[in-house]
Amino acid sequence: MISKIFPFTVALVAAVVLINSPIRVAATDVETPQYYELRIYSTQSAEQQQRVNDYWQKAAIPAYNRAGVQPVGVFTELHDSATNKIYVLLPFNSVADFAAMSAKLAADADYQQSAAGFLNAPKSNPAYARFESSLLVAFEGMKRMVVPSADHRPNVFELRTYESSSEGKGLNKIKMFESGEIPLMKQIGLAPIFYGRTLAGLNMPCLVYMTCGDTLDAHKQHWKAFSASPVWQGLRQALQYQDNVSRVISILLKRTPASQI
């Protein structure tokens, strides 16, 4: 499902925040949240998974990078399967940048040439079964994507979607994150990469976020530390935050060779 775009523009200078690195952005940059497109490709074979990865690695990511969109995350499910989905995370500095991307790709001759086989795959030999797209806006509590440093690349990523029974309950859950969950996740080592509220797309109303870890066991230990924390226990028992999540969807992922995260 292609995301609908709302008619407003936010100006922002690009900046990428690295874990354990200084933040070098102007004050005006920090005031405005990023936007994220999250694509999910459904596949029916290992060959299709390879074709999707090759498209992003050899054609799409170079073109997106030329247009100022980086880093691009490309992930697949942790355990291999012929029907694994591929998840693509694209950060934009404004809705205008997101809206302009199709035109930029259409005008990029190198992209059009290198991506031709993928973009024009015939019905008899499709490159994928289908893909879905959602548009997210970053939380005020973490307005920028946080990328692991080049010398510390995690091996496990967890993508979580929290559905809520109403829009008000969804906003309440975001407030709960910003009132303590986000700092706690950073403190105990869950290493969040992004948090986003879905503006248009799947499973609305919902929020989506990603954490990461060196190994699956280490990641599980971080979650145990989170659950045992007095900060979390206080938040989960607070009357103001009751019943704000109706379903949690958790997917464990690993990066593909295409990924820049």
C-alpha atoms as a PDB file:
ATOM      1  CA  MET A   1       0.000   0.000   0.000  1.00  0.00           C
ATOM      2  CA  ILE A   2       1.500   3.296  -1.052  1.00  0.00           C
ATOM      3  CA  SER A   3       1.516   5.920   1.685  1.00  0.00           C
ATOM      4  CA  LYS A   4      -0.496   9.086   1.259  1.00  0.00           C
ATOM      5  CA  ILE A   5       1.339  12.379   1.706  1.00  0.00           C
ATOM      6  CA  PHE A   6       0.014  15.257   3.749  1.00  0.00           C
ATOM      7  CA  PRO A   7       0.428  18.773   2.247  1.00  0.00           C
ATOM      8  CA  PHE A   8       3.004  20.267   4.545  1.00  0.00           C
ATOM      9  CA  THR A   9       6.761  20.761   4.362  1.00  0.00           C
ATOM     10  CA  VAL A  10       9.414  20.692   7.043  1.00  0.00           C
ATOM     11  CA  ALA A  11      12.864  22.146   6.295  1.00  0.00           C
ATOM     12  CA  LEU A  12      15.795  20.286   7.827  1.00  0.00           C
ATOM     13  CA  VAL A  13      19.528  19.915   7.354  1.00  0.00           C
ATOM     14  CA  ALA A  14      20.556  16.244   7.210  1.00  0.00           C
ATOM     15  CA  ALA A  15      22.404  14.739  10.134  1.00  0.00           C
ATOM     16  CA  VAL A  16      23.129  11.190  11.233  1.00  0.00           C
ATOM     17  CA  VAL A  17      23.626  10.469  14.917  1.00  0.00           C
ATOM     18  CA  LEU A  18      26.118   7.725  15.752  1.00  0.00           C
ATOM     19  CA  ILE A  19      26.056   5.692  18.937  1.00  0.00           C
ATOM     20  CA  ASN A  20      28.967   6.738  21.189  1.00  0.00           C
ATOM     21  CA  SER A  21      29.811   9.640  18.864  1.00  0.00           C
ATOM     22  CA  PRO A  22      29.346  13.398  19.342  1.00  0.00           C
ATOM     23  CA  ILE A  23      26.151  14.894  17.975  1.00  0.00           C
ATOM     24  CA  ARG A  24      27.124  17.494  15.413  1.00  0.00           C
ATOM     25  CA  VAL A  25      23.852  19.145  14.432  1.00  0.00           C
ATOM     26  CA  ALA A  26      22.596  22.685  14.737  1.00  0.00           C
ATOM     27  CA  ALA A  27      19.925  23.457  17.330  1.00  0.00           C
ATOM     28  CA  THR A  28      17.354  24.035  14.596  1.00  0.00           C
ATOM     29  CA  ASP A  29      17.978  20.514  13.247  1.00  0.00           C
ATOM     30  CA  VAL A  30      17.134  18.895  16.564  1.00  0.00           C
ATOM     31  CA  GLU A  31      13.791  20.688  16.705  1.00  0.00           C
ATOM     32  CA  THR A  32      12.365  18.856  13.698  1.00  0.00           C
ATOM     33  CA  PRO A  33      11.751  15.080  13.531  1.00  0.00           C
ATOM     34  CA  GLN A  34      12.753  12.840  10.670  1.00  0.00           C
ATOM     35  CA  TYR A  35      10.286  10.870   8.577  1.00  0.00           C
ATOM     36  CA  TYR A  36      10.749   7.191   7.754  1.00  0.00           C
ATOM     37  CA  GLU A  37       9.447   5.035   4.965  1.00  0.00           C
ATOM     38  CA  LEU A  38       9.250   1.383   5.994  1.00  0.00           C
ATOM     39  CA  ARG A  39       8.895  -1.034   3.085  1.00  0.00           C
ATOM     40  CA  ILE A  40       8.120  -4.723   3.510  1.00  0.00           C
ATOM     41  CA  TYR A  41       8.709  -7.012   0.528  1.00  0.00           C
ATOM     42  CA  SER A  42       6.979 -10.397   0.506  1.00  0.00           C
ATOM     43  CA  THR A  43       8.892 -13.094  -1.357  1.00  0.00           C
ATOM     44  CA  GLN A  44       8.210 -16.645  -2.469  1.00  0.00           C
ATOM     45  CA  SER A  45      11.728 -17.959  -2.982  1.00  0.00           C
ATOM     46  CA  ALA A  46      15.368 -17.472  -2.085  1.00  0.00           C
ATOM     47  CA  GLU A  47      15.864 -16.226  -5.648  1.00  0.00           C
ATOM     48  CA  GLN A  48      13.371 -13.399  -5.123  1.00  0.00           C
ATOM     49  CA  GLN A  49      15.050 -12.472  -1.854  1.00  0.00           C
ATOM     50  CA  GLN A  50      18.363 -12.227  -3.687  1.00  0.00           C
ATOM     51  CA  ARG A  51      16.818 -10.092  -6.416  1.00  0.00           C
ATOM     52  CA  VAL A  52      15.367  -7.653  -3.890  1.00  0.00           C
ATOM     53  CA  ASN A  53      18.680  -7.420  -2.054  1.00  0.00           C
ATOM     54  CA  ASP A  54      20.633  -6.952  -5.313  1.00  0.00           C
ATOM     55  CA  TYR A  55      18.246  -4.214  -6.425  1.00  0.00           C
ATOM     56  CA  TRP A  56      18.781  -2.241  -3.236  1.00  0.00           C
ATOM     57  CA  GLN A  57      22.513  -2.901  -3.040  1.00  0.00           C
ATOM     58  CA  LYS A  58      23.409  -2.207  -6.676  1.00  0.00           C
ATOM     59  CA  ALA A  59      20.768   0.257  -7.861  1.00  0.00           C
ATOM     60  CA  ALA A  60      18.412   1.752  -5.272  1.00  0.00           C
ATOM     61  CA  ILE A  61      20.738   2.566  -2.362  1.00  0.00           C
ATOM     62  CA  PRO A  62      23.312   4.349  -4.551  1.00  0.00           C
ATOM     63  CA  ALA A  63      20.484   6.403  -6.066  1.00  0.00           C
ATOM     64  CA  TYR A  64      18.906   7.211  -2.702  1.00  0.00           C
ATOM     65  CA  ASN A  65      22.328   8.166  -1.345  1.00  0.00           C
ATOM     66  CA  ARG A  66      22.899  10.488  -4.324  1.00  0.00           C
ATOM     67  CA  ALA A  67      19.584  12.119  -3.434  1.00  0.00           C
ATOM     68  CA  GLY A  68      20.723  12.648   0.166  1.00  0.00           C
ATOM     69  CA  VAL A  69      18.834   9.741   1.758  1.00  0.00           C
ATOM     70  CA  GLN A  70      21.160   7.753   4.023  1.00  0.00           C
ATOM     71  CA  PRO A  71      21.848   5.460   5.721  1.00  0.00           C
ATOM     72  CA  VAL A  72      19.417   2.912   4.269  1.00  0.00           C
ATOM     73  CA  GLY A  73      18.661  -0.205   6.287  1.00  0.00           C
ATOM     74  CA  VAL A  74      17.863  -3.486   4.528  1.00  0.00           C
ATOM     75  CA  PHE A  75      16.969  -6.446   6.743  1.00  0.00           C
ATOM     76  CA  THR A  76      15.493  -9.914   6.483  1.00  0.00           C
ATOM     77  CA  GLU A  77      14.076 -12.319   9.041  1.00  0.00           C
ATOM     78  CA  LEU A  78      16.627 -13.828  11.416  1.00  0.00           C
ATOM     79  CA  HIS A  79      15.952 -17.445  10.473  1.00  0.00           C
ATOM     80  CA  ASP A  80      16.240 -18.289   6.777  1.00  0.00           C
ATOM     81  CA  SER A  81      13.139 -19.349   4.873  1.00  0.00           C
ATOM     82  CA  ALA A  82      12.015 -19.404   1.247  1.00  0.00           C
ATOM     83  CA  THR A  83       9.261 -16.947   2.166  1.00  0.00           C
ATOM     84  CA  ASN A  84      11.283 -14.522   4.281  1.00  0.00           C
ATOM     85  CA  LYS A  85      10.242 -10.909   4.044  1.00  0.00           C
ATOM     86  CA  ILE A  86      12.695  -8.092   3.407  1.00  0.00           C
ATOM     87  CA  TYR A  87      12.387  -4.855   5.392  1.00  0.00           C
ATOM     88  CA  VAL A  88      13.757  -1.567   4.065  1.00  0.00           C
ATOM     89  CA  LEU A  89      14.103   1.513   6.281  1.00  0.00           C
ATOM     90  CA  LEU A  90      14.507   4.884   4.528  1.00  0.00           C
ATOM     91  CA  PRO A  91      15.119   8.103   6.528  1.00  0.00           C
ATOM     92  CA  PHE A  92      13.934  11.449   5.137  1.00  0.00           C
ATOM     93  CA  ASN A  93      14.539  14.905   6.539  1.00  0.00           C
ATOM     94  CA  SER A  94      11.079  16.153   5.520  1.00  0.00           C
ATOM     95  CA  VAL A  95       7.820  15.062   3.941  1.00  0.00           C
ATOM     96  CA  ALA A  96       8.827  17.137   0.911  1.00  0.00           C
ATOM     97  CA  ASP A  97      11.963  15.005   0.486  1.00  0.00           C
ATOM     98  CA  PHE A  98       9.861  11.858   0.660  1.00  0.00           C
ATOM     99  CA  ALA A  99       7.378  13.188  -1.881  1.00  0.00           C
ATOM    100  CA  ALA A 100      10.135  14.273  -4.273  1.00  0.00           C
ATOM    101  CA  MET A 101      11.932  10.928  -4.304  1.00  0.00           C
ATOM    102  CA  SER A 102       9.973   9.304  -7.135  1.00  0.00           C
ATOM    103  CA  ALA A 103      10.774  12.191  -9.474  1.00  0.00           C
ATOM    104  CA  LYS A 104      14.446  12.077  -8.494  1.00  0.00           C
ATOM    105  CA  LEU A 105      14.621   8.353  -9.254  1.00  0.00           C
ATOM    106  CA  ALA A 106      12.875   8.876 -12.579  1.00  0.00           C
ATOM    107  CA  ALA A 107      15.466  11.501 -13.536  1.00  0.00           C
ATOM    108  CA  ASP A 108      18.469   9.422 -12.390  1.00  0.00           C
ATOM    109  CA  ALA A 109      19.819   7.800 -15.573  1.00  0.00           C
ATOM    110  CA  ASP A 110      22.231   5.512 -13.727  1.00  0.00           C
ATOM    111  CA  TYR A 111      19.443   4.239 -11.515  1.00  0.00           C
ATOM    112  CA  GLN A 112      17.064   3.678 -14.407  1.00  0.00           C
ATOM    113  CA  GLN A 113      19.688   1.639 -16.215  1.00  0.00           C
ATOM    114  CA  SER A 114      20.875  -0.453 -13.268  1.00  0.00           C
ATOM    115  CA  ALA A 115      17.344  -1.042 -11.921  1.00  0.00           C
ATOM    116  CA  ALA A 116      15.642  -1.773 -15.262  1.00  0.00           C
ATOM    117  CA  GLY A 117      15.452  -5.545 -14.856  1.00  0.00           C
ATOM    118  CA  PHE A 118      13.948  -5.246 -11.381  1.00  0.00           C
ATOM    119  CA  LEU A 119      11.530  -2.417 -12.189  1.00  0.00           C
ATOM    120  CA  ASN A 120      10.267  -4.108 -15.343  1.00  0.00           C
ATOM    121  CA  ALA A 121      10.188  -7.731 -14.181  1.00  0.00           C
ATOM    122  CA  PRO A 122       7.518  -9.654 -16.144  1.00  0.00           C
ATOM    123  CA  LYS A 123       4.484 -11.376 -14.678  1.00  0.00           C
ATOM    124  CA  SER A 124       6.041 -14.724 -15.574  1.00  0.00           C
ATOM    125  CA  ASN A 125       9.140 -13.992 -13.464  1.00  0.00           C
ATOM    126  CA  PRO A 126       8.336 -11.365 -10.797  1.00  0.00           C
ATOM    127  CA  ALA A 127      11.100  -9.954  -8.600  1.00  0.00           C
ATOM    128  CA  TYR A 128       8.879 -10.235  -5.497  1.00  0.00           C
ATOM    129  CA  ALA A 129       5.328 -11.188  -4.563  1.00  0.00           C
ATOM    130  CA  ARG A 130       4.252  -7.755  -3.276  1.00  0.00           C
ATOM    131  CA  PHE A 131       5.510  -4.888  -1.151  1.00  0.00           C
ATOM    132  CA  GLU A 132       3.830  -2.657   1.395  1.00  0.00           C
ATOM    133  CA  SER A 133       4.854   0.829   2.485  1.00  0.00           C
ATOM    134  CA  SER A 134       4.225   2.909   5.590  1.00  0.00           C
ATOM    135  CA  LEU A 135       5.158   6.522   6.350  1.00  0.00           C
ATOM    136  CA  LEU A 136       6.263   7.245   9.921  1.00  0.00           C
ATOM    137  CA  VAL A 137       7.233  10.382  11.816  1.00  0.00           C
ATOM    138  CA  ALA A 138       9.900  10.190  14.522  1.00  0.00           C
ATOM    139  CA  PHE A 139       8.938  10.632  18.168  1.00  0.00           C
ATOM    140  CA  GLU A 140       9.680  13.959  19.793  1.00  0.00           C
ATOM    141  CA  GLY A 141      11.616  11.914  22.351  1.00  0.00           C
ATOM    142  CA  MET A 142      14.066  10.688  19.689  1.00  0.00           C
ATOM    143  CA  LYS A 143      13.821  12.812  16.564  1.00  0.00           C
ATOM    144  CA  ARG A 144      16.769  11.353  14.691  1.00  0.00           C
ATOM    145  CA  MET A 145      17.774   7.864  13.642  1.00  0.00           C
ATOM    146  CA  VAL A 146      20.637   6.535  15.766  1.00  0.00           C
ATOM    147  CA  VAL A 147      23.067   4.386  13.794  1.00  0.00           C
ATOM    148  CA  PRO A 148      25.570   1.942  15.302  1.00  0.00           C
ATOM    149  CA  SER A 149      29.151   3.136  14.865  1.00  0.00           C
ATOM    150  CA  ALA A 150      31.206   1.641  12.045  1.00  0.00           C
ATOM    151  CA  ASP A 151      33.377  -0.378  14.444  1.00  0.00           C
ATOM    152  CA  HIS A 152      30.408  -1.859  16.343  1.00  0.00           C
ATOM    153  CA  ARG A 153      27.873  -3.484  14.050  1.00  0.00           C
ATOM    154  CA  PRO A 154      25.123  -5.443  15.846  1.00  0.00           C
ATOM    155  CA  ASN A 155      23.996  -8.802  14.465  1.00  0.00           C
ATOM    156  CA  VAL A 156      20.393  -8.888  15.716  1.00  0.00           C
ATOM    157  CA  PHE A 157      17.674  -6.311  15.106  1.00  0.00           C
ATOM    158  CA  GLU A 158      14.158  -6.345  16.518  1.00  0.00           C
ATOM    159  CA  LEU A 159      11.335  -4.502  14.784  1.00  0.00           C
ATOM    160  CA  ARG A 160       8.352  -3.944  17.054  1.00  0.00           C
ATOM    161  CA  THR A 161       4.889  -2.664  16.177  1.00  0.00           C
ATOM    162  CA  TYR A 162       2.536  -1.609  18.959  1.00  0.00           C
ATOM    163  CA  GLU A 163      -1.078  -1.404  17.881  1.00  0.00           C
ATOM    164  CA  SER A 164      -3.563   0.605  19.980  1.00  0.00           C
ATOM    165  CA  SER A 165      -7.341   0.465  20.250  1.00  0.00           C
ATOM    166  CA  SER A 166      -7.706   4.166  19.408  1.00  0.00           C
ATOM    167  CA  GLU A 167      -5.626   7.115  18.238  1.00  0.00           C
ATOM    168  CA  GLY A 168      -5.741   8.617  21.722  1.00  0.00           C
ATOM    169  CA  LYS A 169      -4.414   5.417  23.275  1.00  0.00           C
ATOM    170  CA  GLY A 170      -1.674   5.331  20.647  1.00  0.00           C
ATOM    171  CA  LEU A 171      -0.555   8.847  21.533  1.00  0.00           C
ATOM    172  CA  ASN A 172      -0.683   7.876  25.203  1.00  0.00           C
ATOM    173  CA  LYS A 173       1.731   4.996  24.541  1.00  0.00           C
ATOM    174  CA  ILE A 174       4.118   7.384  22.776  1.00  0.00           C
ATOM    175  CA  LYS A 175       3.974   9.656  25.825  1.00  0.00           C
ATOM    176  CA  MET A 176       4.833   6.624  27.952  1.00  0.00           C
ATOM    177  CA  PHE A 177       7.907   5.962  25.819  1.00  0.00           C
ATOM    178  CA  GLU A 178       8.990   9.564  26.092  1.00  0.00           C
ATOM    179  CA  SER A 179       8.387   9.616  29.864  1.00  0.00           C
ATOM    180  CA  GLY A 180      10.973   6.949  30.574  1.00  0.00           C
ATOM    181  CA  GLU A 181      11.034   3.954  28.248  1.00  0.00           C
ATOM    182  CA  ILE A 182      13.356   5.502  25.643  1.00  0.00           C
ATOM    183  CA  PRO A 183      16.056   6.608  28.120  1.00  0.00           C
ATOM    184  CA  LEU A 184      15.806   3.242  29.888  1.00  0.00           C
ATOM    185  CA  MET A 185      16.237   1.290  26.644  1.00  0.00           C
ATOM    186  CA  LYS A 186      19.360   3.298  25.870  1.00  0.00           C
ATOM    187  CA  GLN A 187      20.711   2.850  29.392  1.00  0.00           C
ATOM    188  CA  ILE A 188      20.343  -0.933  29.581  1.00  0.00           C
ATOM    189  CA  GLY A 189      21.773  -1.571  26.102  1.00  0.00           C
ATOM    190  CA  LEU A 190      18.762  -2.221  23.862  1.00  0.00           C
ATOM    191  CA  ALA A 191      20.321   0.374  21.515  1.00  0.00           C
ATOM    192  CA  PRO A 192      17.202   1.801  19.802  1.00  0.00           C
ATOM    193  CA  ILE A 193      17.701   2.848  16.180  1.00  0.00           C
ATOM    194  CA  PHE A 194      14.416   4.690  15.593  1.00  0.00           C
ATOM    195  CA  TYR A 195      10.914   5.264  16.965  1.00  0.00           C
ATOM    196  CA  GLY A 196       8.079   6.304  14.663  1.00  0.00           C
ATOM    197  CA  ARG A 197       4.349   6.965  14.721  1.00  0.00           C
ATOM    198  CA  THR A 198       2.607   5.631  11.622  1.00  0.00           C
ATOM    199  CA  LEU A 199       1.029   8.455   9.628  1.00  0.00           C
ATOM    200  CA  ALA A 200      -0.165   6.309   6.741  1.00  0.00           C
ATOM    201  CA  GLY A 201       0.198   2.599   6.194  1.00  0.00           C
ATOM    202  CA  LEU A 202      -0.346  -0.675   8.000  1.00  0.00           C
ATOM    203  CA  ASN A 203      -1.993  -1.637  11.305  1.00  0.00           C
ATOM    204  CA  MET A 204      -3.071   1.887  12.263  1.00  0.00           C
ATOM    205  CA  PRO A 205      -3.162   3.330  14.830  1.00  0.00           C
ATOM    206  CA  CYS A 206       0.293   2.085  15.745  1.00  0.00           C
ATOM    207  CA  LEU A 207       3.871   2.961  16.509  1.00  0.00           C
ATOM    208  CA  VAL A 208       6.959   1.170  15.206  1.00  0.00           C
ATOM    209  CA  TYR A 209      10.478   1.046  16.579  1.00  0.00           C
ATOM    210  CA  MET A 210      13.720  -0.913  16.192  1.00  0.00           C
ATOM    211  CA  THR A 211      16.310  -2.037  18.735  1.00  0.00           C
ATOM    212  CA  CYS A 212      19.479  -4.067  18.215  1.00  0.00           C
ATOM    213  CA  GLY A 213      22.035  -6.275  19.962  1.00  0.00           C
ATOM    214  CA  ASP A 214      25.326  -8.068  19.411  1.00  0.00           C
ATOM    215  CA  THR A 215      23.767 -11.526  19.755  1.00  0.00           C
ATOM    216  CA  LEU A 216      20.304 -12.936  20.316  1.00  0.00           C
ATOM    217  CA  ASP A 217      21.212 -14.032  23.847  1.00  0.00           C
ATOM    218  CA  ALA A 218      22.597 -10.589  24.712  1.00  0.00           C
ATOM    219  CA  HIS A 219      19.472  -8.978  23.269  1.00  0.00           C
ATOM    220  CA  LYS A 220      17.255 -11.195  25.433  1.00  0.00           C
ATOM    221  CA  GLN A 221      19.292 -10.288  28.520  1.00  0.00           C
ATOM    222  CA  HIS A 222      18.791  -6.597  27.776  1.00  0.00           C
ATOM    223  CA  TRP A 223      15.039  -7.150  27.626  1.00  0.00           C
ATOM    224  CA  LYS A 224      15.165  -8.970  30.976  1.00  0.00           C
ATOM    225  CA  ALA A 225      16.984  -5.991  32.467  1.00  0.00           C
ATOM    226  CA  PHE A 226      14.371  -3.670  31.008  1.00  0.00           C
ATOM    227  CA  SER A 227      11.481  -5.718  32.449  1.00  0.00           C
ATOM    228  CA  ALA A 228      13.085  -5.835  35.901  1.00  0.00           C
ATOM    229  CA  SER A 229      13.851  -2.124  36.035  1.00  0.00           C
ATOM    230  CA  PRO A 230      12.006  -0.035  38.657  1.00  0.00           C
ATOM    231  CA  VAL A 231      11.552   2.618  35.977  1.00  0.00           C
ATOM    232  CA  TRP A 232       9.585   0.213  33.767  1.00  0.00           C
ATOM    233  CA  GLN A 233       7.653  -1.219  36.677  1.00  0.00           C
ATOM    234  CA  GLY A 234       6.600   2.271  37.702  1.00  0.00           C
ATOM    235  CA  LEU A 235       5.501   3.186  34.177  1.00  0.00           C
ATOM    236  CA  ARG A 236       3.540  -0.012  33.556  1.00  0.00           C
ATOM    237  CA  GLN A 237       1.646   0.372  36.841  1.00  0.00           C
ATOM    238  CA  ALA A 238       0.823   4.066  36.392  1.00  0.00           C
ATOM    239  CA  LEU A 239      -2.922   4.591  35.966  1.00  0.00           C
ATOM    240  CA  GLN A 240      -2.427   7.131  33.196  1.00  0.00           C
ATOM    241  CA  TYR A 241      -0.753   4.521  30.942  1.00  0.00           C
ATOM    242  CA  GLN A 242      -3.172   1.610  31.288  1.00  0.00           C
ATOM    243  CA  ASP A 243      -4.531  -0.292  28.250  1.00  0.00           C
ATOM    244  CA  ASN A 244      -2.678   1.762  25.639  1.00  0.00           C
ATOM    245  CA  VAL A 245      -1.451  -1.258  23.626  1.00  0.00           C
ATOM    246  CA  SER A 246      -3.814  -3.829  22.147  1.00  0.00           C
ATOM    247  CA  ARG A 247      -1.281  -5.984  20.255  1.00  0.00           C
ATOM    248  CA  VAL A 248       2.499  -6.266  19.947  1.00  0.00           C
ATOM    249  CA  ILE A 249       4.114  -7.576  16.762  1.00  0.00           C
ATOM    250  CA  SER A 250       7.783  -8.482  17.239  1.00  0.00           C
ATOM    251  CA  ILE A 251      10.047  -9.561  14.378  1.00  0.00           C
ATOM    252  CA  LEU A 252      13.701 -10.540  14.768  1.00  0.00           C
ATOM    253  CA  LEU A 253      15.854  -9.479  11.846  1.00  0.00           C
ATOM    254  CA  LYS A 254      19.391  -9.537  10.508  1.00  0.00           C
ATOM    255  CA  ARG A 255      20.966  -7.171   8.009  1.00  0.00           C
ATOM    256  CA  THR A 256      21.353  -8.170   4.373  1.00  0.00           C
ATOM    257  CA  PRO A 257      24.537  -7.435   2.395  1.00  0.00           C
ATOM    258  CA  ALA A 258      22.799  -4.326   1.040  1.00  0.00           C
ATOM    259  CA  SER A 259      22.245  -2.686   4.416  1.00  0.00           C
ATOM    260  CA  GLN A 260      24.046   0.475   5.499  1.00  0.00           C
ATOM    261  CA  ILE A 261      22.855   0.014   9.111  1.00  0.00           C
END
